[in-house]
PDB file of all heavy atoms in Angstrom:
ATOM      1  N   THR A   1     -19.139   3.114  -5.223  1.00  0.00           N
ATOM      2  CA  THR A   1     -18.789   3.229  -3.802  1.00  0.00           C
ATOM      3  C   THR A   1     -17.767   2.186  -3.363  1.00  0.00           C
ATOM      4  O   THR A   1     -16.922   2.480  -2.525  1.00  0.00           O
ATOM      5  CB  THR A   1     -20.042   3.125  -2.909  1.00  0.00           C
ATOM      6  OG1 THR A   1     -20.705   1.892  -3.186  1.00  0.00           O
ATOM      7  CG2 THR A   1     -20.967   4.286  -3.113  1.00  0.00           C
ATOM      8  N   THR A   2     -17.814   0.978  -3.929  1.00  0.00           N
ATOM      9  CA  THR A   2     -16.826  -0.040  -3.579  1.00  0.00           C
ATOM     10  C   THR A   2     -15.437   0.425  -3.973  1.00  0.00           C
ATOM     11  O   THR A   2     -14.480   0.298  -3.194  1.00  0.00           O
ATOM     12  CB  THR A   2     -17.143  -1.386  -4.272  1.00  0.00           C
ATOM     13  OG1 THR A   2     -18.458  -1.795  -3.890  1.00  0.00           O
ATOM     14  CG2 THR A   2     -16.149  -2.455  -3.889  1.00  0.00           C
ATOM     15  N   GLU A   3     -15.298   0.980  -5.174  1.00  0.00           N
ATOM     16  CA  GLU A   3     -14.000   1.479  -5.631  1.00  0.00           C
ATOM     17  C   GLU A   3     -13.533   2.638  -4.758  1.00  0.00           C
ATOM     18  O   GLU A   3     -12.349   2.740  -4.437  1.00  0.00           O
ATOM     19  CB  GLU A   3     -14.076   1.910  -7.094  1.00  0.00           C
ATOM     20  CG  GLU A   3     -14.211   0.757  -8.057  1.00  0.00           C
ATOM     21  CD  GLU A   3     -14.398   1.216  -9.499  1.00  0.00           C
ATOM     22  OE1 GLU A   3     -14.171   2.407  -9.798  1.00  0.00           O
ATOM     23  OE2 GLU A   3     -14.776   0.375 -10.327  1.00  0.00           O
ATOM     24  N   GLN A   4     -14.455   3.512  -4.374  1.00  0.00           N
ATOM     25  CA  GLN A   4     -14.102   4.646  -3.520  1.00  0.00           C
ATOM     26  C   GLN A   4     -13.645   4.160  -2.142  1.00  0.00           C
ATOM     27  O   GLN A   4     -12.669   4.661  -1.592  1.00  0.00           O
ATOM     28  CB  GLN A   4     -15.284   5.600  -3.375  1.00  0.00           C
ATOM     29  CG  GLN A   4     -15.578   6.374  -4.638  1.00  0.00           C
ATOM     30  CD  GLN A   4     -16.864   7.182  -4.539  1.00  0.00           C
ATOM     31  OE1 GLN A   4     -17.727   6.884  -3.712  1.00  0.00           O
ATOM     32  NE2 GLN A   4     -16.989   8.193  -5.385  1.00  0.00           N
ATOM     33  N   GLN A   5     -14.368   3.179  -1.582  1.00  0.00           N
ATOM     34  CA  GLN A   5     -13.990   2.623  -0.276  1.00  0.00           C
ATOM     35  C   GLN A   5     -12.612   1.958  -0.362  1.00  0.00           C
ATOM     36  O   GLN A   5     -11.776   2.123   0.531  1.00  0.00           O
ATOM     37  CB  GLN A   5     -15.017   1.602   0.200  1.00  0.00           C
ATOM     38  CG  GLN A   5     -16.333   2.203   0.609  1.00  0.00           C
ATOM     39  CD  GLN A   5     -17.386   1.136   0.878  1.00  0.00           C
ATOM     40  OE1 GLN A   5     -17.295   0.002   0.408  1.00  0.00           O
ATOM     41  NE2 GLN A   5     -18.403   1.512   1.636  1.00  0.00           N
ATOM     42  N   PHE A   6     -12.388   1.216  -1.433  1.00  0.00           N
ATOM     43  CA  PHE A   6     -11.102   0.542  -1.621  1.00  0.00           C
ATOM     44  C   PHE A   6      -9.983   1.576  -1.734  1.00  0.00           C
ATOM     45  O   PHE A   6      -8.947   1.445  -1.076  1.00  0.00           O
ATOM     46  CB  PHE A   6     -11.136  -0.357  -2.865  1.00  0.00           C
ATOM     47  CG  PHE A   6      -9.842  -1.069  -3.124  1.00  0.00           C
ATOM     48  CD1 PHE A   6      -9.474  -2.164  -2.359  1.00  0.00           C
ATOM     49  CD2 PHE A   6      -8.979  -0.644  -4.126  1.00  0.00           C
ATOM     50  CE1 PHE A   6      -8.274  -2.826  -2.587  1.00  0.00           C
ATOM     51  CE2 PHE A   6      -7.781  -1.299  -4.363  1.00  0.00           C
ATOM     52  CZ  PHE A   6      -7.427  -2.391  -3.586  1.00  0.00           C
ATOM     53  N   ALA A   7     -10.189   2.602  -2.535  1.00  0.00           N
ATOM     54  CA  ALA A   7      -9.176   3.645  -2.720  1.00  0.00           C
ATOM     55  C   ALA A   7      -8.851   4.328  -1.386  1.00  0.00           C
ATOM     56  O   ALA A   7      -7.686   4.586  -1.072  1.00  0.00           O
ATOM     57  CB  ALA A   7      -9.644   4.669  -3.753  1.00  0.00           C
ATOM     58  N   GLU A   8      -9.865   4.595  -0.591  1.00  0.00           N
ATOM     59  CA  GLU A   8      -9.666   5.223   0.712  1.00  0.00           C
ATOM     60  C   GLU A   8      -8.906   4.286   1.663  1.00  0.00           C
ATOM     61  O   GLU A   8      -8.001   4.710   2.376  1.00  0.00           O
ATOM     62  CB  GLU A   8     -10.999   5.641   1.333  1.00  0.00           C
ATOM     63  CG  GLU A   8     -10.870   6.342   2.667  1.00  0.00           C
ATOM     64  CD  GLU A   8      -9.995   7.597   2.634  1.00  0.00           C
ATOM     65  OE1 GLU A   8      -9.937   8.283   1.589  1.00  0.00           O
ATOM     66  OE2 GLU A   8      -9.358   7.889   3.656  1.00  0.00           O
ATOM     67  N   THR A   9      -9.259   3.015   1.639  1.00  0.00           N
ATOM     68  CA  THR A   9      -8.567   2.024   2.467  1.00  0.00           C
ATOM     69  C   THR A   9      -7.088   1.970   2.102  1.00  0.00           C
ATOM     70  O   THR A   9      -6.218   1.950   2.979  1.00  0.00           O
ATOM     71  CB  THR A   9      -9.207   0.629   2.291  1.00  0.00           C
ATOM     72  OG1 THR A   9     -10.577   0.695   2.704  1.00  0.00           O
ATOM     73  CG2 THR A   9      -8.492  -0.430   3.101  1.00  0.00           C
ATOM     74  N   ILE A  10      -6.794   1.972   0.808  1.00  0.00           N
ATOM     75  CA  ILE A  10      -5.404   1.938   0.350  1.00  0.00           C
ATOM     76  C   ILE A  10      -4.673   3.207   0.775  1.00  0.00           C
ATOM     77  O   ILE A  10      -3.534   3.159   1.237  1.00  0.00           O
ATOM     78  CB  ILE A  10      -5.321   1.723  -1.178  1.00  0.00           C
ATOM     79  CG1 ILE A  10      -5.903   0.358  -1.559  1.00  0.00           C
ATOM     80  CG2 ILE A  10      -3.883   1.877  -1.682  1.00  0.00           C
ATOM     81  CD1 ILE A  10      -5.279  -0.824  -0.839  1.00  0.00           C
ATOM     82  N   ARG A  11      -5.314   4.357   0.649  1.00  0.00           N
ATOM     83  CA  ARG A  11      -4.692   5.619   1.083  1.00  0.00           C
ATOM     84  C   ARG A  11      -4.326   5.557   2.565  1.00  0.00           C
ATOM     85  O   ARG A  11      -3.256   5.993   2.976  1.00  0.00           O
ATOM     86  CB  ARG A  11      -5.634   6.800   0.835  1.00  0.00           C
ATOM     87  CG  ARG A  11      -5.399   7.510  -0.483  1.00  0.00           C
ATOM     88  CD  ARG A  11      -6.143   8.823  -0.572  1.00  0.00           C
ATOM     89  NE  ARG A  11      -7.594   8.673  -0.613  1.00  0.00           N
ATOM     90  CZ  ARG A  11      -8.288   8.311  -1.676  1.00  0.00           C
ATOM     91  NH1 ARG A  11      -7.664   8.060  -2.807  1.00  0.00           N
ATOM     92  NH2 ARG A  11      -9.590   8.196  -1.641  1.00  0.00           N
ATOM     93  N   GLN A  12      -5.211   5.002   3.369  1.00  0.00           N
ATOM     94  CA  GLN A  12      -4.978   4.937   4.814  1.00  0.00           C
ATOM     95  C   GLN A  12      -3.872   3.951   5.188  1.00  0.00           C
ATOM     96  O   GLN A  12      -3.200   4.132   6.197  1.00  0.00           O
ATOM     97  CB  GLN A  12      -6.260   4.534   5.542  1.00  0.00           C
ATOM     98  CG  GLN A  12      -7.335   5.581   5.510  1.00  0.00           C
ATOM     99  CD  GLN A  12      -8.655   5.071   6.080  1.00  0.00           C
ATOM    100  OE1 GLN A  12      -8.773   3.923   6.479  1.00  0.00           O
ATOM    101  NE2 GLN A  12      -9.652   5.943   6.101  1.00  0.00           N
ATOM    102  N   HIS A  13      -3.690   2.903   4.388  1.00  0.00           N
ATOM    103  CA  HIS A  13      -2.769   1.822   4.758  1.00  0.00           C
ATOM    104  C   HIS A  13      -1.604   1.649   3.784  1.00  0.00           C
ATOM    105  O   HIS A  13      -0.935   0.621   3.803  1.00  0.00           O
ATOM    106  CB  HIS A  13      -3.549   0.510   4.891  1.00  0.00           C
ATOM    107  CG  HIS A  13      -4.598   0.576   5.957  1.00  0.00           C
ATOM    108  ND1 HIS A  13      -4.297   0.477   7.295  1.00  0.00           N
ATOM    109  CD2 HIS A  13      -5.934   0.770   5.877  1.00  0.00           C
ATOM    110  CE1 HIS A  13      -5.412   0.602   7.995  1.00  0.00           C
ATOM    111  NE2 HIS A  13      -6.420   0.776   7.165  1.00  0.00           N
ATOM    112  N   LYS A  14      -1.360   2.673   2.970  1.00  0.00           N
ATOM    113  CA  LYS A  14      -0.295   2.611   1.974  1.00  0.00           C
ATOM    114  C   LYS A  14       1.065   2.363   2.620  1.00  0.00           C
ATOM    115  O   LYS A  14       1.857   1.558   2.133  1.00  0.00           O
ATOM    116  CB  LYS A  14      -0.285   3.909   1.158  1.00  0.00           C
ATOM    117  CG  LYS A  14       0.724   3.927   0.040  1.00  0.00           C
ATOM    118  CD  LYS A  14       0.505   5.090  -0.900  1.00  0.00           C
ATOM    119  CE  LYS A  14       0.852   6.400  -0.256  1.00  0.00           C
ATOM    120  NZ  LYS A  14       0.829   7.529  -1.203  1.00  0.00           N
ATOM    121  N   SER A  15       1.341   3.010   3.742  1.00  0.00           N
ATOM    122  CA  SER A  15       2.649   2.843   4.388  1.00  0.00           C
ATOM    123  C   SER A  15       2.830   1.419   4.905  1.00  0.00           C
ATOM    124  O   SER A  15       3.948   0.888   4.880  1.00  0.00           O
ATOM    125  CB  SER A  15       2.839   3.854   5.511  1.00  0.00           C
ATOM    126  OG  SER A  15       1.922   3.611   6.549  1.00  0.00           O
ATOM    127  N   THR A  16       1.766   0.783   5.353  1.00  0.00           N
ATOM    128  CA  THR A  16       1.838  -0.608   5.797  1.00  0.00           C
ATOM    129  C   THR A  16       2.257  -1.507   4.638  1.00  0.00           C
ATOM    130  O   THR A  16       3.140  -2.353   4.778  1.00  0.00           O
ATOM    131  CB  THR A  16       0.465  -1.074   6.337  1.00  0.00           C
ATOM    132  OG1 THR A  16       0.124  -0.290   7.472  1.00  0.00           O
ATOM    133  CG2 THR A  16       0.481  -2.540   6.708  1.00  0.00           C
ATOM    134  N   ILE A  17       1.651  -1.314   3.491  1.00  0.00           N
ATOM    135  CA  ILE A  17       1.961  -2.125   2.310  1.00  0.00           C
ATOM    136  C   ILE A  17       3.413  -1.897   1.884  1.00  0.00           C
ATOM    137  O   ILE A  17       4.154  -2.843   1.636  1.00  0.00           O
ATOM    138  CB  ILE A  17       0.992  -1.808   1.153  1.00  0.00           C
ATOM    139  CG1 ILE A  17      -0.445  -2.113   1.564  1.00  0.00           C
ATOM    140  CG2 ILE A  17       1.364  -2.598  -0.099  1.00  0.00           C
ATOM    141  CD1 ILE A  17      -1.503  -1.548   0.625  1.00  0.00           C
ATOM    142  N   TYR A  18       3.829  -0.627   1.826  1.00  0.00           N
ATOM    143  CA  TYR A  18       5.207  -0.324   1.434  1.00  0.00           C
ATOM    144  C   TYR A  18       6.214  -0.899   2.434  1.00  0.00           C
ATOM    145  O   TYR A  18       7.270  -1.388   2.048  1.00  0.00           O
ATOM    146  CB  TYR A  18       5.430   1.177   1.277  1.00  0.00           C
ATOM    147  CG  TYR A  18       5.144   1.666  -0.117  1.00  0.00           C
ATOM    148  CD1 TYR A  18       4.118   2.563  -0.367  1.00  0.00           C
ATOM    149  CD2 TYR A  18       5.895   1.221  -1.202  1.00  0.00           C
ATOM    150  CE1 TYR A  18       3.838   3.008  -1.649  1.00  0.00           C
ATOM    151  CE2 TYR A  18       5.634   1.658  -2.486  1.00  0.00           C
ATOM    152  CZ  TYR A  18       4.609   2.545  -2.704  1.00  0.00           C
ATOM    153  OH  TYR A  18       4.345   2.974  -3.979  1.00  0.00           O
ATOM    154  N   THR A  19       5.898  -0.862   3.714  1.00  0.00           N
ATOM    155  CA  THR A  19       6.789  -1.415   4.727  1.00  0.00           C
ATOM    156  C   THR A  19       7.038  -2.897   4.462  1.00  0.00           C
ATOM    157  O   THR A  19       8.179  -3.361   4.491  1.00  0.00           O
ATOM    158  CB  THR A  19       6.191  -1.223   6.138  1.00  0.00           C
ATOM    159  OG1 THR A  19       6.043   0.172   6.388  1.00  0.00           O
ATOM    160  CG2 THR A  19       7.087  -1.829   7.209  1.00  0.00           C
ATOM    161  N   VAL A  20       5.975  -3.633   4.191  1.00  0.00           N
ATOM    162  CA  VAL A  20       6.113  -5.061   3.897  1.00  0.00           C
ATOM    163  C   VAL A  20       6.935  -5.261   2.626  1.00  0.00           C
ATOM    164  O   VAL A  20       7.867  -6.066   2.598  1.00  0.00           O
ATOM    165  CB  VAL A  20       4.727  -5.738   3.770  1.00  0.00           C
ATOM    166  CG1 VAL A  20       4.865  -7.175   3.287  1.00  0.00           C
ATOM    167  CG2 VAL A  20       3.980  -5.690   5.092  1.00  0.00           C
ATOM    168  N   CYS A  21       6.627  -4.519   1.589  1.00  0.00           N
ATOM    169  CA  CYS A  21       7.346  -4.664   0.307  1.00  0.00           C
ATOM    170  C   CYS A  21       8.834  -4.368   0.467  1.00  0.00           C
ATOM    171  O   CYS A  21       9.673  -5.086  -0.086  1.00  0.00           O
ATOM    172  CB  CYS A  21       6.735  -3.757  -0.757  1.00  0.00           C
ATOM    173  SG  CYS A  21       5.057  -4.214  -1.241  1.00  0.00           S
ATOM    174  N   TYR A  22       9.172  -3.338   1.238  1.00  0.00           N
ATOM    175  CA  TYR A  22      10.581  -2.978   1.418  1.00  0.00           C
ATOM    176  C   TYR A  22      11.355  -4.032   2.208  1.00  0.00           C
ATOM    177  O   TYR A  22      12.564  -4.109   2.104  1.00  0.00           O
ATOM    178  CB  TYR A  22      10.733  -1.609   2.082  1.00  0.00           C
ATOM    179  CG  TYR A  22      10.739  -0.482   1.078  1.00  0.00           C
ATOM    180  CD1 TYR A  22       9.672   0.398   0.998  1.00  0.00           C
ATOM    181  CD2 TYR A  22      11.797  -0.306   0.201  1.00  0.00           C
ATOM    182  CE1 TYR A  22       9.659   1.423   0.066  1.00  0.00           C
ATOM    183  CE2 TYR A  22      11.805   0.717  -0.732  1.00  0.00           C
ATOM    184  CZ  TYR A  22      10.727   1.577  -0.789  1.00  0.00           C
ATOM    185  OH  TYR A  22      10.729   2.583  -1.725  1.00  0.00           O
ATOM    186  N   MET A  23      10.664  -4.856   2.981  1.00  0.00           N
ATOM    187  CA  MET A  23      11.353  -5.924   3.699  1.00  0.00           C
ATOM    188  C   MET A  23      11.723  -7.089   2.779  1.00  0.00           C
ATOM    189  O   MET A  23      12.490  -7.958   3.146  1.00  0.00           O
ATOM    190  CB  MET A  23      10.504  -6.435   4.864  1.00  0.00           C
ATOM    191  CG  MET A  23      10.418  -5.459   6.012  1.00  0.00           C
ATOM    192  SD  MET A  23      12.023  -4.829   6.589  1.00  0.00           S
ATOM    193  CE  MET A  23      12.825  -6.328   7.103  1.00  0.00           C
ATOM    194  N   PHE A  24      11.179  -7.093   1.577  1.00  0.00           N
ATOM    195  CA  PHE A  24      11.447  -8.186   0.655  1.00  0.00           C
ATOM    196  C   PHE A  24      12.287  -7.767  -0.543  1.00  0.00           C
ATOM    197  O   PHE A  24      12.621  -8.598  -1.377  1.00  0.00           O
ATOM    198  CB  PHE A  24      10.128  -8.822   0.186  1.00  0.00           C
ATOM    199  CG  PHE A  24       9.510  -9.666   1.261  1.00  0.00           C
ATOM    200  CD1 PHE A  24       8.654  -9.113   2.191  1.00  0.00           C
ATOM    201  CD2 PHE A  24       9.821 -11.015   1.362  1.00  0.00           C
ATOM    202  CE1 PHE A  24       8.108  -9.887   3.200  1.00  0.00           C
ATOM    203  CE2 PHE A  24       9.280 -11.794   2.357  1.00  0.00           C
ATOM    204  CZ  PHE A  24       8.421 -11.230   3.288  1.00  0.00           C
ATOM    205  N   SER A  25      12.624  -6.497  -0.635  1.00  0.00           N
ATOM    206  CA  SER A  25      13.473  -6.053  -1.732  1.00  0.00           C
ATOM    207  C   SER A  25      14.140  -4.729  -1.383  1.00  0.00           C
ATOM    208  O   SER A  25      13.574  -3.906  -0.668  1.00  0.00           O
ATOM    209  CB  SER A  25      12.659  -5.874  -3.010  1.00  0.00           C
ATOM    210  OG  SER A  25      13.488  -5.442  -4.058  1.00  0.00           O
ATOM    211  N   LYS A  26      15.343  -4.547  -1.932  1.00  0.00           N
ATOM    212  CA  LYS A  26      16.059  -3.283  -1.766  1.00  0.00           C
ATOM    213  C   LYS A  26      15.919  -2.422  -3.010  1.00  0.00           C
ATOM    214  O   LYS A  26      16.299  -1.270  -3.014  1.00  0.00           O
ATOM    215  CB  LYS A  26      17.540  -3.548  -1.503  1.00  0.00           C
ATOM    216  CG  LYS A  26      17.812  -4.276  -0.221  1.00  0.00           C
ATOM    217  CD  LYS A  26      19.296  -4.519  -0.059  1.00  0.00           C
ATOM    218  CE  LYS A  26      19.567  -5.335   1.184  1.00  0.00           C
ATOM    219  NZ  LYS A  26      20.973  -5.602   1.388  1.00  0.00           N
ATOM    220  N   ASP A  27      15.395  -3.003  -4.073  1.00  0.00           N
ATOM    221  CA  ASP A  27      15.297  -2.326  -5.361  1.00  0.00           C
ATOM    222  C   ASP A  27      13.965  -1.576  -5.463  1.00  0.00           C
ATOM    223  O   ASP A  27      12.896  -2.181  -5.334  1.00  0.00           O
ATOM    224  CB  ASP A  27      15.417  -3.374  -6.480  1.00  0.00           C
ATOM    225  CG  ASP A  27      15.288  -2.759  -7.841  1.00  0.00           C
ATOM    226  OD1 ASP A  27      16.279  -2.199  -8.338  1.00  0.00           O
ATOM    227  OD2 ASP A  27      14.175  -2.852  -8.407  1.00  0.00           O
ATOM    228  N   ASN A  28      14.021  -0.269  -5.691  1.00  0.00           N
ATOM    229  CA  ASN A  28      12.799   0.545  -5.729  1.00  0.00           C
ATOM    230  C   ASN A  28      11.823   0.096  -6.811  1.00  0.00           C
ATOM    231  O   ASN A  28      10.612   0.106  -6.590  1.00  0.00           O
ATOM    232  CB  ASN A  28      13.144   2.025  -5.923  1.00  0.00           C
ATOM    233  CG  ASN A  28      13.685   2.641  -4.658  1.00  0.00           C
ATOM    234  OD1 ASN A  28      13.429   2.173  -3.552  1.00  0.00           O
ATOM    235  ND2 ASN A  28      14.461   3.699  -4.812  1.00  0.00           N
ATOM    236  N   ASP A  29      12.335  -0.282  -7.985  1.00  0.00           N
ATOM    237  CA  ASP A  29      11.442  -0.740  -9.052  1.00  0.00           C
ATOM    238  C   ASP A  29      10.735  -2.027  -8.650  1.00  0.00           C
ATOM    239  O   ASP A  29       9.536  -2.196  -8.880  1.00  0.00           O
ATOM    240  CB  ASP A  29      12.215  -0.972 -10.354  1.00  0.00           C
ATOM    241  CG  ASP A  29      12.708   0.332 -10.969  1.00  0.00           C
ATOM    242  OD1 ASP A  29      12.089   1.386 -10.701  1.00  0.00           O
ATOM    243  OD2 ASP A  29      13.709   0.295 -11.706  1.00  0.00           O
TER     244      ASP A  29
END
């Protein structure tokens, strides 16, 4: 259940994480 909760949390907030990452790099890799 912890892994399932974590996976769901990441699914819900994936765009937030990507937004932060894109502010620190222009390179997709």
